[in-house]
Amino acid sequence: MVFLVWLGAAYAAIPVGAVMEPVDVVEQYRLHAMERGRSGAETELLCKTAVDSLQICATVLDEKSWRYATEADPGVERPTAMLDEHGFKTKDAEGVGRYWSREKADGKEGMIYVQPGLLTELSPVGVVVAWPIPGVVIAWVPGNPNLDQVMAVGVAQMVEASTHPISSVIYRFVDNEWQVWGEAKKPKPSSP
């Protein structure tokens, strides 16, 4: 994977994570940083295109928070497996099935997209993954129509309610690449 090579080569000693952001985050960050008097490498985020119109951006982690990594950051240690340290929690979806949720806005939530092998720690059967809002990544085994519907509606509601939505698109890692599995949409009200 190109991102892993880039991540490993760019860094050597600082803990790093990854977050998914809309494609315009690089330009927004650049403008924000320049407004605050920063210039050059301090204004350039370390991001790579992930899927569709989303980018995965490296983060610098400390014990209590995270920040975006920029080209000015000298070295970052590749993180250990996210599921080992900060595991997904198994949850029940209204009696129709189970899913896994990671609800930590710690700057590591994007690692599932960088290291898709972590998905096998959730289930040996392929899962689908949604990242509706910052800090929340949801995965489940698709194929149960009731569970698929409950999860899609939940993802759509999170995206709609957020002031900083990430994506309503749900992905699956197939043939060594992320592919769109579907898009979560709020159900239309039924007609009388």
C-alpha atoms as a PDB file:
ATOM      1  CA  MET A   1       0.000   0.000   0.000  1.00  0.00           C
ATOM      2  CA  VAL A   2       1.394   3.348  -1.030  1.00  0.00           C
ATOM      3  CA  PHE A   3       0.230   5.122   2.133  1.00  0.00           C
ATOM      4  CA  LEU A   4       2.043   2.685   4.430  1.00  0.00           C
ATOM      5  CA  VAL A   5       5.279   3.163   2.509  1.00  0.00           C
ATOM      6  CA  TRP A   6       4.782   6.921   2.623  1.00  0.00           C
ATOM      7  CA  LEU A   7       3.906   6.820   6.317  1.00  0.00           C
ATOM      8  CA  GLY A   8       6.861   4.603   7.213  1.00  0.00           C
ATOM      9  CA  ALA A   9       9.352   6.543   5.115  1.00  0.00           C
ATOM     10  CA  ALA A  10       8.217   9.965   6.268  1.00  0.00           C
ATOM     11  CA  TYR A  11       8.566   9.237   9.958  1.00  0.00           C
ATOM     12  CA  ALA A  12      10.911   7.644  12.412  1.00  0.00           C
ATOM     13  CA  ALA A  13      10.312   8.472  16.116  1.00  0.00           C
ATOM     14  CA  ILE A  14       7.001  10.247  16.876  1.00  0.00           C
ATOM     15  CA  PRO A  15       3.767   8.265  17.433  1.00  0.00           C
ATOM     16  CA  VAL A  16       1.472   8.664  14.449  1.00  0.00           C
ATOM     17  CA  GLY A  17      -2.123   7.877  13.647  1.00  0.00           C
ATOM     18  CA  ALA A  18      -4.414   8.690  10.771  1.00  0.00           C
ATOM     19  CA  VAL A  19      -7.755  10.382  10.279  1.00  0.00           C
ATOM     20  CA  MET A  20     -10.042  10.492   7.265  1.00  0.00           C
ATOM     21  CA  GLU A  21     -11.058  13.928   6.040  1.00  0.00           C
ATOM     22  CA  PRO A  22     -12.937  15.455   3.111  1.00  0.00           C
ATOM     23  CA  VAL A  23     -10.718  16.286   0.142  1.00  0.00           C
ATOM     24  CA  ASP A  24     -10.790  20.058   0.827  1.00  0.00           C
ATOM     25  CA  VAL A  25      -9.170  19.727   4.281  1.00  0.00           C
ATOM     26  CA  VAL A  26      -5.654  20.303   2.883  1.00  0.00           C
ATOM     27  CA  GLU A  27      -6.549  23.696   1.429  1.00  0.00           C
ATOM     28  CA  GLN A  28      -8.623  24.669   4.483  1.00  0.00           C
ATOM     29  CA  TYR A  29      -5.739  23.783   6.795  1.00  0.00           C
ATOM     30  CA  ARG A  30      -3.258  25.695   4.624  1.00  0.00           C
ATOM     31  CA  LEU A  31      -5.421  28.852   4.802  1.00  0.00           C
ATOM     32  CA  HIS A  32      -6.003  28.434   8.544  1.00  0.00           C
ATOM     33  CA  ALA A  33      -2.279  27.973   9.221  1.00  0.00           C
ATOM     34  CA  MET A  34      -1.340  31.013   7.101  1.00  0.00           C
ATOM     35  CA  GLU A  35      -3.904  33.137   8.974  1.00  0.00           C
ATOM     36  CA  ARG A  36      -2.069  32.157  12.155  1.00  0.00           C
ATOM     37  CA  GLY A  37       1.304  33.258  10.796  1.00  0.00           C
ATOM     38  CA  ARG A  38       2.660  29.859   9.776  1.00  0.00           C
ATOM     39  CA  SER A  39       4.423  29.343   6.475  1.00  0.00           C
ATOM     40  CA  GLY A  40       6.154  26.758   4.328  1.00  0.00           C
ATOM     41  CA  ALA A  41       6.172  23.165   5.571  1.00  0.00           C
ATOM     42  CA  GLU A  42       4.055  24.077   8.633  1.00  0.00           C
ATOM     43  CA  THR A  43       1.085  24.769   6.323  1.00  0.00           C
ATOM     44  CA  GLU A  44       1.212  21.487   4.398  1.00  0.00           C
ATOM     45  CA  LEU A  45      -0.654  18.492   5.796  1.00  0.00           C
ATOM     46  CA  LEU A  46       0.640  14.972   5.205  1.00  0.00           C
ATOM     47  CA  CYS A  47      -2.405  13.560   3.421  1.00  0.00           C
ATOM     48  CA  LYS A  48      -2.971  11.065   0.643  1.00  0.00           C
ATOM     49  CA  THR A  49      -6.078  10.303  -1.367  1.00  0.00           C
ATOM     50  CA  ALA A  50      -7.831   7.327   0.216  1.00  0.00           C
ATOM     51  CA  VAL A  51     -11.141   6.624  -1.490  1.00  0.00           C
ATOM     52  CA  ASP A  52     -13.526   8.745  -3.542  1.00  0.00           C
ATOM     53  CA  SER A  53     -13.300  12.353  -2.365  1.00  0.00           C
ATOM     54  CA  LEU A  54     -11.710  11.486   0.972  1.00  0.00           C
ATOM     55  CA  GLN A  55      -8.145  11.789   2.122  1.00  0.00           C
ATOM     56  CA  ILE A  56      -6.331  10.022   4.902  1.00  0.00           C
ATOM     57  CA  CYS A  57      -4.146  12.406   6.863  1.00  0.00           C
ATOM     58  CA  ALA A  58      -1.327  11.516   9.230  1.00  0.00           C
ATOM     59  CA  THR A  59      -1.665  12.685  12.828  1.00  0.00           C
ATOM     60  CA  VAL A  60       0.846  13.242  15.597  1.00  0.00           C
ATOM     61  CA  LEU A  61      -0.295  11.678  18.868  1.00  0.00           C
ATOM     62  CA  ASP A  62       0.494  12.424  22.472  1.00  0.00           C
ATOM     63  CA  GLU A  63      -0.929  10.952  25.670  1.00  0.00           C
ATOM     64  CA  LYS A  64      -4.090  13.073  25.699  1.00  0.00           C
ATOM     65  CA  SER A  65      -4.683  14.466  22.217  1.00  0.00           C
ATOM     66  CA  TRP A  66      -3.693  14.509  18.584  1.00  0.00           C
ATOM     67  CA  ARG A  67      -3.016  17.035  15.834  1.00  0.00           C
ATOM     68  CA  TYR A  68      -2.563  16.878  12.096  1.00  0.00           C
ATOM     69  CA  ALA A  69       0.963  16.009  10.968  1.00  0.00           C
ATOM     70  CA  THR A  70       2.565  18.501   8.616  1.00  0.00           C
ATOM     71  CA  GLU A  71       5.623  18.417   6.407  1.00  0.00           C
ATOM     72  CA  ALA A  72       7.421  20.248   9.227  1.00  0.00           C
ATOM     73  CA  ASP A  73       7.180  17.203  11.533  1.00  0.00           C
ATOM     74  CA  PRO A  74      10.569  15.479  11.537  1.00  0.00           C
ATOM     75  CA  GLY A  75       9.793  11.877  12.413  1.00  0.00           C
ATOM     76  CA  VAL A  76       6.865   9.707  13.366  1.00  0.00           C
ATOM     77  CA  GLU A  77       6.829   6.100  14.549  1.00  0.00           C
ATOM     78  CA  ARG A  78       4.422   3.826  12.713  1.00  0.00           C
ATOM     79  CA  PRO A  79       1.600   2.959  15.129  1.00  0.00           C
ATOM     80  CA  THR A  80       0.911  -0.488  16.466  1.00  0.00           C
ATOM     81  CA  ALA A  81      -2.280  -2.317  15.578  1.00  0.00           C
ATOM     82  CA  MET A  82      -5.230  -0.143  16.506  1.00  0.00           C
ATOM     83  CA  LEU A  83      -7.389  -3.080  17.527  1.00  0.00           C
ATOM     84  CA  ASP A  84      -4.784  -4.377  19.972  1.00  0.00           C
ATOM     85  CA  GLU A  85      -4.445  -1.080  21.832  1.00  0.00           C
ATOM     86  CA  HIS A  86      -7.799   0.603  21.356  1.00  0.00           C
ATOM     87  CA  GLY A  87     -10.133  -2.181  20.324  1.00  0.00           C
ATOM     88  CA  PHE A  88     -13.460  -1.912  18.670  1.00  0.00           C
ATOM     89  CA  LYS A  89     -16.370  -2.713  20.980  1.00  0.00           C
ATOM     90  CA  THR A  90     -18.973  -5.280  19.955  1.00  0.00           C
ATOM     91  CA  LYS A  91     -22.522  -3.903  20.068  1.00  0.00           C
ATOM     92  CA  ASP A  92     -26.021  -5.190  19.333  1.00  0.00           C
ATOM     93  CA  ALA A  93     -28.183  -3.484  16.724  1.00  0.00           C
ATOM     94  CA  GLU A  94     -31.765  -3.588  17.975  1.00  0.00           C
ATOM     95  CA  GLY A  95     -31.826  -7.380  18.123  1.00  0.00           C
ATOM     96  CA  VAL A  96     -31.077  -7.829  14.401  1.00  0.00           C
ATOM     97  CA  GLY A  97     -27.375  -8.528  14.666  1.00  0.00           C
ATOM     98  CA  ARG A  98     -24.076  -7.299  16.003  1.00  0.00           C
ATOM     99  CA  TYR A  99     -21.554  -4.775  14.797  1.00  0.00           C
ATOM    100  CA  TRP A 100     -18.288  -3.251  15.948  1.00  0.00           C
ATOM    101  CA  SER A 101     -17.810   0.376  16.812  1.00  0.00           C
ATOM    102  CA  ARG A 102     -14.747   2.436  17.620  1.00  0.00           C
ATOM    103  CA  GLU A 103     -15.699   5.722  19.221  1.00  0.00           C
ATOM    104  CA  LYS A 104     -12.421   7.379  20.147  1.00  0.00           C
ATOM    105  CA  ALA A 105     -11.467  10.680  18.602  1.00  0.00           C
ATOM    106  CA  ASP A 106      -7.800  10.003  19.322  1.00  0.00           C
ATOM    107  CA  GLY A 107      -6.328  10.504  15.875  1.00  0.00           C
ATOM    108  CA  LYS A 108      -5.996   6.771  15.176  1.00  0.00           C
ATOM    109  CA  GLU A 109      -9.417   6.063  13.719  1.00  0.00           C
ATOM    110  CA  GLY A 110      -8.124   6.161  10.142  1.00  0.00           C
ATOM    111  CA  MET A 111      -5.718   3.285  10.710  1.00  0.00           C
ATOM    112  CA  ILE A 112      -8.367   0.773   9.633  1.00  0.00           C
ATOM    113  CA  TYR A 113      -8.114   2.315   6.145  1.00  0.00           C
ATOM    114  CA  VAL A 114      -4.323   2.330   6.199  1.00  0.00           C
ATOM    115  CA  GLN A 115      -3.982  -1.166   7.637  1.00  0.00           C
ATOM    116  CA  PRO A 116      -7.017  -3.081   6.330  1.00  0.00           C
ATOM    117  CA  GLY A 117      -5.536  -6.290   7.715  1.00  0.00           C
ATOM    118  CA  LEU A 118      -6.853  -5.090  11.081  1.00  0.00           C
ATOM    119  CA  LEU A 119     -10.307  -6.018   9.804  1.00  0.00           C
ATOM    120  CA  THR A 120      -9.478  -9.703  10.181  1.00  0.00           C
ATOM    121  CA  GLU A 121      -9.162  -9.062  13.929  1.00  0.00           C
ATOM    122  CA  LEU A 122     -12.870  -8.184  13.877  1.00  0.00           C
ATOM    123  CA  SER A 123     -14.105 -11.086  11.786  1.00  0.00           C
ATOM    124  CA  PRO A 124     -12.632 -13.728   9.487  1.00  0.00           C
ATOM    125  CA  VAL A 125     -15.613 -13.012   7.217  1.00  0.00           C
ATOM    126  CA  GLY A 126     -15.279  -9.764   5.252  1.00  0.00           C
ATOM    127  CA  VAL A 127     -16.811  -6.709   6.885  1.00  0.00           C
ATOM    128  CA  VAL A 128     -17.953  -3.357   5.566  1.00  0.00           C
ATOM    129  CA  VAL A 129     -16.726  -0.140   7.164  1.00  0.00           C
ATOM    130  CA  ALA A 130     -18.350   3.264   7.618  1.00  0.00           C
ATOM    131  CA  TRP A 131     -16.725   6.433   8.932  1.00  0.00           C
ATOM    132  CA  PRO A 132     -19.679   8.803   9.295  1.00  0.00           C
ATOM    133  CA  ILE A 133     -18.252  11.385  11.710  1.00  0.00           C
ATOM    134  CA  PRO A 134     -14.888  12.200  13.281  1.00  0.00           C
ATOM    135  CA  GLY A 135     -13.886   9.675  15.908  1.00  0.00           C
ATOM    136  CA  VAL A 136     -16.451   7.008  14.979  1.00  0.00           C
ATOM    137  CA  VAL A 137     -15.711   4.011  12.760  1.00  0.00           C
ATOM    138  CA  ILE A 138     -18.336   1.282  12.407  1.00  0.00           C
ATOM    139  CA  ALA A 139     -17.961  -2.184  10.865  1.00  0.00           C
ATOM    140  CA  TRP A 140     -20.304  -5.124  10.351  1.00  0.00           C
ATOM    141  CA  VAL A 141     -20.642  -8.311   8.334  1.00  0.00           C
ATOM    142  CA  PRO A 142     -23.005  -7.482   5.456  1.00  0.00           C
ATOM    143  CA  GLY A 143     -25.711  -9.746   4.088  1.00  0.00           C
ATOM    144  CA  ASN A 144     -28.344  -9.607   6.828  1.00  0.00           C
ATOM    145  CA  PRO A 145     -30.895  -7.218   5.234  1.00  0.00           C
ATOM    146  CA  ASN A 146     -32.259  -6.107   8.615  1.00  0.00           C
ATOM    147  CA  LEU A 147     -28.828  -5.367  10.040  1.00  0.00           C
ATOM    148  CA  ASP A 148     -27.701  -3.686   6.797  1.00  0.00           C
ATOM    149  CA  GLN A 149     -30.753  -1.393   6.945  1.00  0.00           C
ATOM    150  CA  VAL A 150     -30.389  -0.528  10.647  1.00  0.00           C
ATOM    151  CA  MET A 151     -26.683   0.245  10.201  1.00  0.00           C
ATOM    152  CA  ALA A 152     -27.198   2.290   7.008  1.00  0.00           C
ATOM    153  CA  VAL A 153     -29.939   4.374   8.642  1.00  0.00           C
ATOM    154  CA  GLY A 154     -27.730   4.929  11.695  1.00  0.00           C
ATOM    155  CA  VAL A 155     -24.801   6.027   9.548  1.00  0.00           C
ATOM    156  CA  ALA A 156     -27.057   8.370   7.536  1.00  0.00           C
ATOM    157  CA  GLN A 157     -28.454   9.913  10.723  1.00  0.00           C
ATOM    158  CA  MET A 158     -24.963  10.509  12.131  1.00  0.00           C
ATOM    159  CA  VAL A 159     -23.816  12.160   8.903  1.00  0.00           C
ATOM    160  CA  GLU A 160     -26.920  14.343   8.754  1.00  0.00           C
ATOM    161  CA  ALA A 161     -26.649  15.440  12.401  1.00  0.00           C
ATOM    162  CA  SER A 162     -22.936  16.250  12.288  1.00  0.00           C
ATOM    163  CA  THR A 163     -21.417  19.687  11.809  1.00  0.00           C
ATOM    164  CA  HIS A 164     -18.318  17.932  10.423  1.00  0.00           C
ATOM    165  CA  PRO A 165     -19.503  14.801   8.617  1.00  0.00           C
ATOM    166  CA  ILE A 166     -16.937  12.496   7.075  1.00  0.00           C
ATOM    167  CA  SER A 167     -18.861  10.251   4.664  1.00  0.00           C
ATOM    168  CA  SER A 168     -22.131   8.379   4.213  1.00  0.00           C
ATOM    169  CA  VAL A 169     -20.358   5.944   1.876  1.00  0.00           C
ATOM    170  CA  ILE A 170     -19.704   2.430   3.189  1.00  0.00           C
ATOM    171  CA  TYR A 171     -16.586   0.617   1.993  1.00  0.00           C
ATOM    172  CA  ARG A 172     -15.330  -2.935   1.697  1.00  0.00           C
ATOM    173  CA  PHE A 173     -11.714  -4.012   1.191  1.00  0.00           C
ATOM    174  CA  VAL A 174     -11.698  -6.359  -1.827  1.00  0.00           C
ATOM    175  CA  ASP A 175      -8.804  -7.461  -4.035  1.00  0.00           C
ATOM    176  CA  ASN A 176      -6.337  -5.257  -2.131  1.00  0.00           C
ATOM    177  CA  GLU A 177      -8.301  -2.048  -2.594  1.00  0.00           C
ATOM    178  CA  TRP A 178     -11.137  -0.161  -0.956  1.00  0.00           C
ATOM    179  CA  GLN A 179     -14.341  -0.348  -2.956  1.00  0.00           C
ATOM    180  CA  VAL A 180     -17.683   1.340  -2.410  1.00  0.00           C
ATOM    181  CA  TRP A 181     -20.130  -1.175  -0.949  1.00  0.00           C
ATOM    182  CA  GLY A 182     -23.033   1.249  -0.645  1.00  0.00           C
ATOM    183  CA  GLU A 183     -24.165   4.632   0.590  1.00  0.00           C
ATOM    184  CA  ALA A 184     -26.221   5.193   3.708  1.00  0.00           C
ATOM    185  CA  LYS A 185     -29.322   7.256   3.056  1.00  0.00           C
ATOM    186  CA  LYS A 186     -32.067   8.223   5.418  1.00  0.00           C
ATOM    187  CA  PRO A 187     -35.305   6.426   4.507  1.00  0.00           C
ATOM    188  CA  LYS A 188     -37.933   8.492   2.728  1.00  0.00           C
ATOM    189  CA  PRO A 189     -41.153   9.005   4.675  1.00  0.00           C
ATOM    190  CA  SER A 190     -43.942   6.753   3.455  1.00  0.00           C
ATOM    191  CA  SER A 191     -46.879   8.320   1.636  1.00  0.00           C
ATOM    192  CA  PRO A 192     -50.373   8.143   3.177  1.00  0.00           C
END
